Amino acid sequence: MTSVRTCLLVFLGLLLCGPATWANAGAECPVGLSPVTEFRLFFGLTDAAGNTVSEEEWGTFLNDTITPRFRAGLTVIDAGGQWLDTTGTL
């Protein structure tokens, strides 16, 4: 569950920081439309120690922690990615 706690900390940090910039700050919406705020949150399924978050742990975190904060809805996209550490190791 440590990895779920790590994800929660990242999530809360992002919520507290808010968007860094607003692309159309002060712009008005065309008639018939209303403004929307978009948040993009990225979560990994391993923690800093390399422990894997199980599908069950992720589902519980999503259902109990994230979804209640986005009552109007959200989309989860399962994606793959890569990164290099400070030594350039993949």
N, C-alpha and C. Protein backbone atom coordinates (compact mmCIF):
# COMPACT_ATOMS: atom_id res chain seq x y z
N MET A 1 0.80 -1.21 0.00
CA MET A 1 0.00 0.00 0.00
C MET A 1 0.85 1.27 0.00
N THR A 2 2.17 1.13 0.25
CA THR A 2 3.06 2.28 0.23
C THR A 2 3.01 2.96 -1.12
N SER A 3 2.98 2.20 -2.20
CA SER A 3 2.96 2.78 -3.53
C SER A 3 1.67 3.55 -3.77
N VAL A 4 0.57 3.08 -3.20
CA VAL A 4 -0.70 3.81 -3.34
C VAL A 4 -0.59 5.13 -2.58
N ARG A 5 0.06 5.10 -1.41
CA ARG A 5 0.26 6.34 -0.67
C ARG A 5 1.14 7.32 -1.45
N THR A 6 2.15 6.80 -2.14
CA THR A 6 3.01 7.65 -2.97
C THR A 6 2.19 8.31 -4.06
N CYS A 7 1.33 7.53 -4.73
CA CYS A 7 0.46 8.09 -5.78
C CYS A 7 -0.45 9.16 -5.19
N LEU A 8 -0.97 8.90 -4.00
CA LEU A 8 -1.85 9.87 -3.36
C LEU A 8 -1.11 11.18 -3.10
N LEU A 9 0.13 11.09 -2.62
CA LEU A 9 0.91 12.30 -2.37
C LEU A 9 1.15 13.09 -3.65
N VAL A 10 1.45 12.40 -4.74
CA VAL A 10 1.64 13.07 -6.03
C VAL A 10 0.34 13.74 -6.45
N PHE A 11 -0.77 13.02 -6.31
CA PHE A 11 -2.08 13.53 -6.67
C PHE A 11 -2.41 14.79 -5.87
N LEU A 12 -2.22 14.74 -4.56
CA LEU A 12 -2.53 15.90 -3.73
C LEU A 12 -1.62 17.07 -4.06
N GLY A 13 -0.35 16.79 -4.35
CA GLY A 13 0.56 17.85 -4.74
C GLY A 13 0.10 18.56 -6.00
N LEU A 14 -0.36 17.78 -6.97
CA LEU A 14 -0.85 18.37 -8.22
C LEU A 14 -2.09 19.21 -7.98
N LEU A 15 -2.98 18.73 -7.10
CA LEU A 15 -4.18 19.50 -6.81
C LEU A 15 -3.84 20.82 -6.13
N LEU A 16 -2.86 20.79 -5.24
CA LEU A 16 -2.49 22.01 -4.54
C LEU A 16 -1.78 23.01 -5.46
N CYS A 17 -0.99 22.51 -6.39
CA CYS A 17 -0.25 23.39 -7.31
C CYS A 17 -1.18 24.04 -8.32
N GLY A 18 -2.14 23.30 -8.81
CA GLY A 18 -3.04 23.82 -9.83
C GLY A 18 -2.32 24.01 -11.15
N PRO A 19 -3.02 24.44 -12.17
CA PRO A 19 -2.38 24.63 -13.47
C PRO A 19 -1.35 25.76 -13.41
N ALA A 20 -0.23 25.56 -14.05
CA ALA A 20 0.83 26.56 -14.03
C ALA A 20 0.46 27.78 -14.88
N THR A 21 -0.24 27.55 -15.96
CA THR A 21 -0.64 28.65 -16.83
C THR A 21 -2.06 28.42 -17.33
N TRP A 22 -2.70 29.45 -17.69
CA TRP A 22 -4.04 29.36 -18.28
C TRP A 22 -3.93 29.88 -19.70
N ALA A 23 -4.14 29.02 -20.66
CA ALA A 23 -3.94 29.37 -22.06
C ALA A 23 -4.84 30.52 -22.51
N ASN A 24 -6.07 30.53 -22.06
CA ASN A 24 -7.01 31.55 -22.51
C ASN A 24 -7.58 32.32 -21.32
N ALA A 25 -6.75 32.71 -20.40
CA ALA A 25 -7.22 33.43 -19.22
C ALA A 25 -7.99 34.67 -19.65
N GLY A 26 -9.20 34.80 -19.14
CA GLY A 26 -10.03 35.96 -19.44
C GLY A 26 -10.82 35.85 -20.74
N ALA A 27 -10.57 34.83 -21.55
CA ALA A 27 -11.30 34.69 -22.81
C ALA A 27 -12.72 34.21 -22.52
N GLU A 28 -13.65 34.70 -23.29
CA GLU A 28 -15.03 34.29 -23.12
C GLU A 28 -15.35 33.14 -24.07
N CYS A 29 -16.27 32.27 -23.62
CA CYS A 29 -16.69 31.13 -24.45
C CYS A 29 -17.71 31.61 -25.48
N PRO A 30 -17.73 30.97 -26.64
CA PRO A 30 -18.79 31.27 -27.61
C PRO A 30 -20.16 30.98 -27.02
N VAL A 31 -21.17 31.59 -27.57
CA VAL A 31 -22.55 31.40 -27.11
C VAL A 31 -22.89 29.92 -27.12
N GLY A 32 -23.52 29.45 -26.04
CA GLY A 32 -23.94 28.06 -25.94
C GLY A 32 -22.91 27.14 -25.31
N LEU A 33 -21.71 27.65 -25.06
CA LEU A 33 -20.66 26.83 -24.44
C LEU A 33 -20.33 27.37 -23.06
N SER A 34 -19.72 26.55 -22.24
CA SER A 34 -19.30 27.00 -20.92
C SER A 34 -17.84 26.61 -20.69
N PRO A 35 -17.14 27.36 -19.84
CA PRO A 35 -15.72 27.08 -19.61
C PRO A 35 -15.51 25.74 -18.93
N VAL A 36 -14.37 25.15 -19.17
CA VAL A 36 -14.00 23.87 -18.60
C VAL A 36 -12.57 23.98 -18.09
N THR A 37 -12.30 23.35 -16.96
CA THR A 37 -10.94 23.25 -16.46
C THR A 37 -10.49 21.82 -16.68
N GLU A 38 -9.32 21.65 -17.27
CA GLU A 38 -8.80 20.32 -17.55
C GLU A 38 -7.57 20.07 -16.69
N PHE A 39 -7.56 18.91 -16.04
CA PHE A 39 -6.41 18.47 -15.27
C PHE A 39 -5.87 17.21 -15.90
N ARG A 40 -4.58 17.10 -16.01
CA ARG A 40 -3.94 15.87 -16.49
C ARG A 40 -3.05 15.35 -15.38
N LEU A 41 -3.38 14.19 -14.87
CA LEU A 41 -2.61 13.58 -13.80
C LEU A 41 -1.96 12.32 -14.35
N PHE A 42 -0.71 12.12 -14.04
CA PHE A 42 0.02 10.95 -14.52
C PHE A 42 0.48 10.14 -13.32
N PHE A 43 0.17 8.85 -13.35
CA PHE A 43 0.55 7.95 -12.27
C PHE A 43 1.33 6.79 -12.84
N GLY A 44 2.35 6.37 -12.14
CA GLY A 44 3.07 5.16 -12.49
C GLY A 44 2.58 4.02 -11.63
N LEU A 45 2.90 2.81 -12.04
CA LEU A 45 2.48 1.65 -11.26
C LEU A 45 3.63 1.00 -10.51
N THR A 46 4.70 1.79 -10.27
CA THR A 46 5.77 1.36 -9.38
C THR A 46 6.14 2.53 -8.48
N ASP A 47 6.61 2.19 -7.27
CA ASP A 47 7.03 3.25 -6.36
C ASP A 47 8.53 3.46 -6.47
N ALA A 48 9.07 4.35 -5.67
CA ALA A 48 10.49 4.68 -5.75
C ALA A 48 11.39 3.47 -5.46
N ALA A 49 10.88 2.53 -4.68
CA ALA A 49 11.66 1.33 -4.35
C ALA A 49 11.53 0.24 -5.42
N GLY A 50 10.72 0.50 -6.45
CA GLY A 50 10.54 -0.48 -7.52
C GLY A 50 9.43 -1.48 -7.28
N ASN A 51 8.67 -1.29 -6.19
CA ASN A 51 7.53 -2.18 -5.91
C ASN A 51 6.38 -1.88 -6.86
N THR A 52 5.75 -2.91 -7.36
CA THR A 52 4.66 -2.76 -8.32
C THR A 52 3.32 -2.58 -7.60
N VAL A 53 2.52 -1.63 -8.09
CA VAL A 53 1.17 -1.44 -7.60
C VAL A 53 0.29 -2.45 -8.34
N SER A 54 -0.46 -3.24 -7.61
CA SER A 54 -1.32 -4.25 -8.25
C SER A 54 -2.53 -3.58 -8.89
N GLU A 55 -3.16 -4.29 -9.79
CA GLU A 55 -4.39 -3.78 -10.42
C GLU A 55 -5.45 -3.52 -9.36
N GLU A 56 -5.51 -4.37 -8.36
CA GLU A 56 -6.48 -4.21 -7.27
C GLU A 56 -6.18 -2.93 -6.46
N GLU A 57 -4.89 -2.71 -6.13
CA GLU A 57 -4.52 -1.50 -5.40
C GLU A 57 -4.83 -0.25 -6.22
N TRP A 58 -4.52 -0.28 -7.51
CA TRP A 58 -4.81 0.86 -8.38
C TRP A 58 -6.31 1.11 -8.44
N GLY A 59 -7.10 0.04 -8.63
CA GLY A 59 -8.55 0.19 -8.70
C GLY A 59 -9.13 0.78 -7.43
N THR A 60 -8.64 0.32 -6.29
CA THR A 60 -9.11 0.85 -5.01
C THR A 60 -8.76 2.32 -4.87
N PHE A 61 -7.52 2.68 -5.21
CA PHE A 61 -7.07 4.08 -5.16
C PHE A 61 -7.91 4.95 -6.09
N LEU A 62 -8.14 4.48 -7.30
CA LEU A 62 -8.95 5.22 -8.27
C LEU A 62 -10.37 5.42 -7.75
N ASN A 63 -10.98 4.35 -7.27
CA ASN A 63 -12.38 4.42 -6.80
C ASN A 63 -12.55 5.24 -5.53
N ASP A 64 -11.64 5.05 -4.58
CA ASP A 64 -11.82 5.66 -3.26
C ASP A 64 -11.19 7.04 -3.11
N THR A 65 -10.17 7.34 -3.91
CA THR A 65 -9.42 8.59 -3.72
C THR A 65 -9.61 9.58 -4.86
N ILE A 66 -9.49 9.11 -6.09
CA ILE A 66 -9.53 10.03 -7.22
C ILE A 66 -10.96 10.35 -7.66
N THR A 67 -11.76 9.33 -7.92
CA THR A 67 -13.11 9.55 -8.45
C THR A 67 -13.96 10.48 -7.59
N PRO A 68 -13.96 10.35 -6.26
CA PRO A 68 -14.77 11.27 -5.45
C PRO A 68 -14.39 12.74 -5.63
N ARG A 69 -13.18 13.01 -6.09
CA ARG A 69 -12.73 14.40 -6.28
C ARG A 69 -13.08 14.94 -7.66
N PHE A 70 -13.50 14.06 -8.55
CA PHE A 70 -13.88 14.46 -9.91
C PHE A 70 -15.27 13.91 -10.20
N ARG A 71 -16.24 14.40 -9.48
CA ARG A 71 -17.61 13.86 -9.56
C ARG A 71 -18.25 14.01 -10.93
N ALA A 72 -17.80 15.00 -11.70
CA ALA A 72 -18.37 15.20 -13.03
C ALA A 72 -17.84 14.20 -14.03
N GLY A 73 -16.83 13.43 -13.65
CA GLY A 73 -16.31 12.39 -14.52
C GLY A 73 -14.82 12.53 -14.77
N LEU A 74 -14.25 11.43 -15.25
CA LEU A 74 -12.83 11.39 -15.56
C LEU A 74 -12.59 10.26 -16.54
N THR A 75 -11.45 10.31 -17.17
CA THR A 75 -11.05 9.27 -18.12
C THR A 75 -9.69 8.74 -17.69
N VAL A 76 -9.55 7.43 -17.67
CA VAL A 76 -8.27 6.80 -17.36
C VAL A 76 -7.75 6.15 -18.64
N ILE A 77 -6.53 6.48 -19.00
CA ILE A 77 -5.92 5.92 -20.20
C ILE A 77 -4.70 5.12 -19.76
N ASP A 78 -4.68 3.85 -20.10
CA ASP A 78 -3.54 2.99 -19.79
C ASP A 78 -2.50 3.18 -20.88
N ALA A 79 -1.33 3.65 -20.49
CA ALA A 79 -0.29 3.95 -21.47
C ALA A 79 1.04 3.38 -21.01
N GLY A 80 1.97 3.28 -21.92
CA GLY A 80 3.32 2.84 -21.59
C GLY A 80 4.29 3.97 -21.84
N GLY A 81 5.42 3.92 -21.18
CA GLY A 81 6.40 4.98 -21.37
C GLY A 81 7.76 4.54 -20.90
N GLN A 82 8.74 5.39 -21.09
CA GLN A 82 10.12 5.14 -20.69
C GLN A 82 10.71 6.42 -20.16
N TRP A 83 11.77 6.30 -19.39
CA TRP A 83 12.49 7.46 -18.91
C TRP A 83 13.93 7.06 -18.64
N LEU A 84 14.79 8.07 -18.59
CA LEU A 84 16.20 7.86 -18.30
C LEU A 84 16.50 8.44 -16.92
N ASP A 85 17.27 7.68 -16.12
CA ASP A 85 17.66 8.21 -14.82
C ASP A 85 18.80 9.20 -15.01
N THR A 86 19.33 9.71 -13.90
CA THR A 86 20.35 10.76 -13.97
C THR A 86 21.65 10.30 -14.63
N THR A 87 21.86 8.97 -14.71
CA THR A 87 23.06 8.47 -15.38
C THR A 87 22.82 8.16 -16.85
N GLY A 88 21.59 8.37 -17.31
CA GLY A 88 21.25 8.07 -18.69
C GLY A 88 20.84 6.64 -18.93
N THR A 89 20.65 5.87 -17.83
CA THR A 89 20.21 4.48 -17.94
C THR A 89 18.72 4.42 -18.19
N LEU A 90 18.33 3.60 -19.16
CA LEU A 90 16.91 3.44 -19.49
C LEU A 90 16.21 2.67 -18.39
